[in-house]
Every structure is written in C-alpha cells, then in structure tokens.
N, C-alpha and C. Protein backbone atom coordinates (compact mmCIF):
# COMPACT_ATOMS: atom_id res chain seq x y z
N MET A 1 105.06 125.00 92.93
CA MET A 1 106.07 123.90 91.27
C MET A 1 105.80 122.56 91.28
N SER A 2 106.12 122.13 92.67
CA SER A 2 106.26 120.42 93.22
C SER A 2 104.84 119.87 93.04
N ILE A 3 103.82 120.56 93.36
CA ILE A 3 102.40 120.24 93.32
C ILE A 3 101.96 120.10 91.74
N VAL A 4 102.59 120.83 90.92
CA VAL A 4 102.10 120.60 89.50
C VAL A 4 102.83 119.27 88.92
N ILE A 5 103.96 119.31 89.29
CA ILE A 5 105.19 118.30 88.59
C ILE A 5 104.34 116.92 89.13
N SER A 6 103.89 116.90 90.60
CA SER A 6 103.48 115.84 91.17
C SER A 6 102.11 115.25 90.66
N LEU A 7 100.82 116.42 89.92
CA LEU A 7 99.82 116.09 89.56
C LEU A 7 100.21 115.33 88.11
N LEU A 8 101.16 116.27 87.75
CA LEU A 8 101.48 115.90 86.24
C LEU A 8 102.57 114.32 86.26
N SER A 9 102.93 113.84 87.06
CA SER A 9 103.47 112.64 86.98
C SER A 9 102.26 111.32 87.42
N ILE A 10 100.97 112.00 88.20
CA ILE A 10 99.95 111.11 88.70
C ILE A 10 99.30 110.91 87.21
N TRP A 11 99.20 112.01 86.26
CA TRP A 11 98.32 111.67 85.11
C TRP A 11 99.35 110.73 84.02
N VAL A 12 100.50 111.02 84.25
CA VAL A 12 101.31 110.07 83.32
C VAL A 12 101.17 108.75 83.74
N PHE A 13 101.08 108.71 84.91
CA PHE A 13 101.26 107.19 85.64
C PHE A 13 100.05 106.49 84.94
N THR A 14 98.69 106.82 85.40
CA THR A 14 97.42 106.77 85.28
C THR A 14 97.58 106.29 83.41
N LYS A 15 97.71 107.17 82.57
CA LYS A 15 97.76 106.96 81.18
C LYS A 15 99.37 105.33 81.06
N THR A 16 100.07 105.24 81.69
CA THR A 16 101.16 104.67 81.16
C THR A 16 100.21 103.18 82.17
N LEU A 17 99.89 103.34 83.14
CA LEU A 17 99.22 101.99 83.80
C LEU A 17 98.19 101.55 82.86
N SER A 18 97.27 102.49 82.08
CA SER A 18 96.05 101.72 81.36
C SER A 18 96.76 101.21 79.90
N TYR A 19 97.89 101.59 79.63
CA TYR A 19 98.64 100.99 77.97
C TYR A 19 99.05 99.59 78.92
N GLY A 20 99.58 99.71 79.88
CA GLY A 20 100.13 98.02 80.76
C GLY A 20 99.11 97.18 80.62
N ILE A 21 98.15 97.68 81.02
CA ILE A 21 96.38 96.72 81.10
C ILE A 21 96.07 96.47 79.60
N VAL A 22 96.13 97.16 78.78
CA VAL A 22 96.05 97.13 77.53
C VAL A 22 96.53 96.08 77.04
N GLU A 23 98.07 96.15 77.43
CA GLU A 23 99.25 95.16 76.76
C GLU A 23 99.01 93.55 77.01
N ILE A 24 98.52 93.79 78.46
CA ILE A 24 98.15 92.73 79.32
C ILE A 24 96.95 91.71 78.44
N LYS A 25 95.70 92.81 78.61
CA LYS A 25 94.53 92.36 78.04
C LYS A 25 94.52 91.93 76.85
N GLU A 26 94.76 92.94 75.94
CA GLU A 26 94.50 93.03 74.55
C GLU A 26 95.53 92.05 73.00
N TYR A 27 96.53 92.04 73.99
CA TYR A 27 97.97 91.62 73.32
C TYR A 27 98.16 90.54 73.69
N ASN A 28 98.08 90.02 74.74
CA ASN A 28 98.39 88.89 75.52
C ASN A 28 99.73 88.88 76.13
N ASN A 29 100.26 90.08 76.08
CA ASN A 29 101.98 90.14 76.16
C ASN A 29 102.11 90.44 78.13
N LYS A 30 102.23 89.84 78.80
CA LYS A 30 102.14 89.75 79.80
C LYS A 30 103.53 90.22 80.10
N PHE A 31 104.38 89.58 79.59
CA PHE A 31 105.78 90.44 79.98
C PHE A 31 106.13 91.87 79.75
N GLY A 32 105.69 91.93 78.83
CA GLY A 32 105.31 93.78 78.32
C GLY A 32 104.57 94.55 79.02
N GLY A 33 103.65 94.04 79.53
CA GLY A 33 102.50 94.65 80.22
C GLY A 33 103.08 94.65 81.87
N ILE A 34 103.18 94.12 82.20
CA ILE A 34 103.88 93.93 83.72
C ILE A 34 105.39 94.77 83.95
N SER A 35 106.10 95.00 82.73
CA SER A 35 106.99 95.56 82.70
C SER A 35 106.96 96.93 82.69
N VAL A 36 106.12 97.53 81.68
CA VAL A 36 105.36 98.81 81.71
C VAL A 36 104.85 99.26 83.12
N ILE A 37 104.16 98.41 83.63
CA ILE A 37 103.14 98.87 85.00
C ILE A 37 104.64 99.02 86.20
N ILE A 38 105.56 98.20 86.26
CA ILE A 38 106.49 98.05 87.07
C ILE A 38 107.19 99.43 86.74
N LEU A 39 107.44 99.68 85.95
CA LEU A 39 108.59 100.97 85.06
C LEU A 39 107.43 102.14 85.68
N ALA A 40 106.16 102.40 85.46
CA ALA A 40 105.47 103.45 85.87
C ALA A 40 105.72 103.57 87.31
N ILE A 41 105.34 102.41 87.85
CA ILE A 41 105.40 102.76 89.63
C ILE A 41 107.09 103.27 90.08
N PHE A 42 107.87 102.49 89.56
CA PHE A 42 109.45 103.22 89.73
C PHE A 42 109.49 104.64 89.31
N THR A 43 108.65 104.71 88.50
CA THR A 43 108.85 106.26 87.58
C THR A 43 108.36 107.35 88.83
N ILE A 44 106.95 106.77 88.89
CA ILE A 44 106.02 107.97 89.93
C ILE A 44 106.55 107.92 91.38
N ILE A 45 107.27 106.76 92.07
CA ILE A 45 107.90 107.15 93.41
C ILE A 45 108.80 108.01 93.16
N PHE A 46 110.15 107.66 92.13
CA PHE A 46 111.27 108.10 92.11
C PHE A 46 111.31 109.31 91.89
N CYS A 47 110.25 110.46 90.99
CA CYS A 47 110.52 111.21 90.48
C CYS A 47 109.34 112.19 91.48
N ASN A 48 108.71 111.87 92.49
CA ASN A 48 107.75 112.51 93.49
C ASN A 48 109.28 112.82 94.72
N ILE A 49 110.22 111.71 95.01
CA ILE A 49 110.94 111.76 95.86
C ILE A 49 112.29 112.94 95.49
N ILE A 50 112.26 112.80 94.35
CA ILE A 50 113.44 113.54 93.86
C ILE A 50 112.83 115.46 93.98
N VAL A 51 111.56 115.28 93.32
CA VAL A 51 110.51 116.47 93.27
C VAL A 51 110.68 116.92 95.18
N TRP A 52 110.35 116.45 96.01
CA TRP A 52 110.12 116.94 97.07
C TRP A 52 111.18 117.18 98.30
N ILE A 53 112.30 116.65 97.86
CA ILE A 53 113.83 116.54 98.43
C ILE A 53 114.14 117.80 97.87
N ARG A 54 114.32 118.16 97.04
CA ARG A 54 114.85 119.56 96.17
C ARG A 54 114.18 120.75 96.56
C-alpha cells in the first residue's frame, strides 16, 4: 500500500511541478509559480515520510 501511495504522490508532484513551470513561463507569475513548486516539494517529502514511518 505504501508503494502505491508513493507512486501516486510522485504523479501528483509531476503534475504540480509542471503547473508551477507553466505559471512562471506563460503567466509571468514568478511568486505564484515558485510558491506552487515549494509547496509541491514539501508535500512529496512529508507525505512520503508519514507513509513510511507509519
């Protein structure tokens, strides 16, 4: 089960990361794009830590 959750979180991370890049390049919203990327990084790190500790 933890492998499925890890794979799902990686999939969501790539989608969120691509949205952050689009936000920076297409809309010239650097603050929003960087915020989305940082939030995605924290989410993938802490989600996987909680899953593997549990």
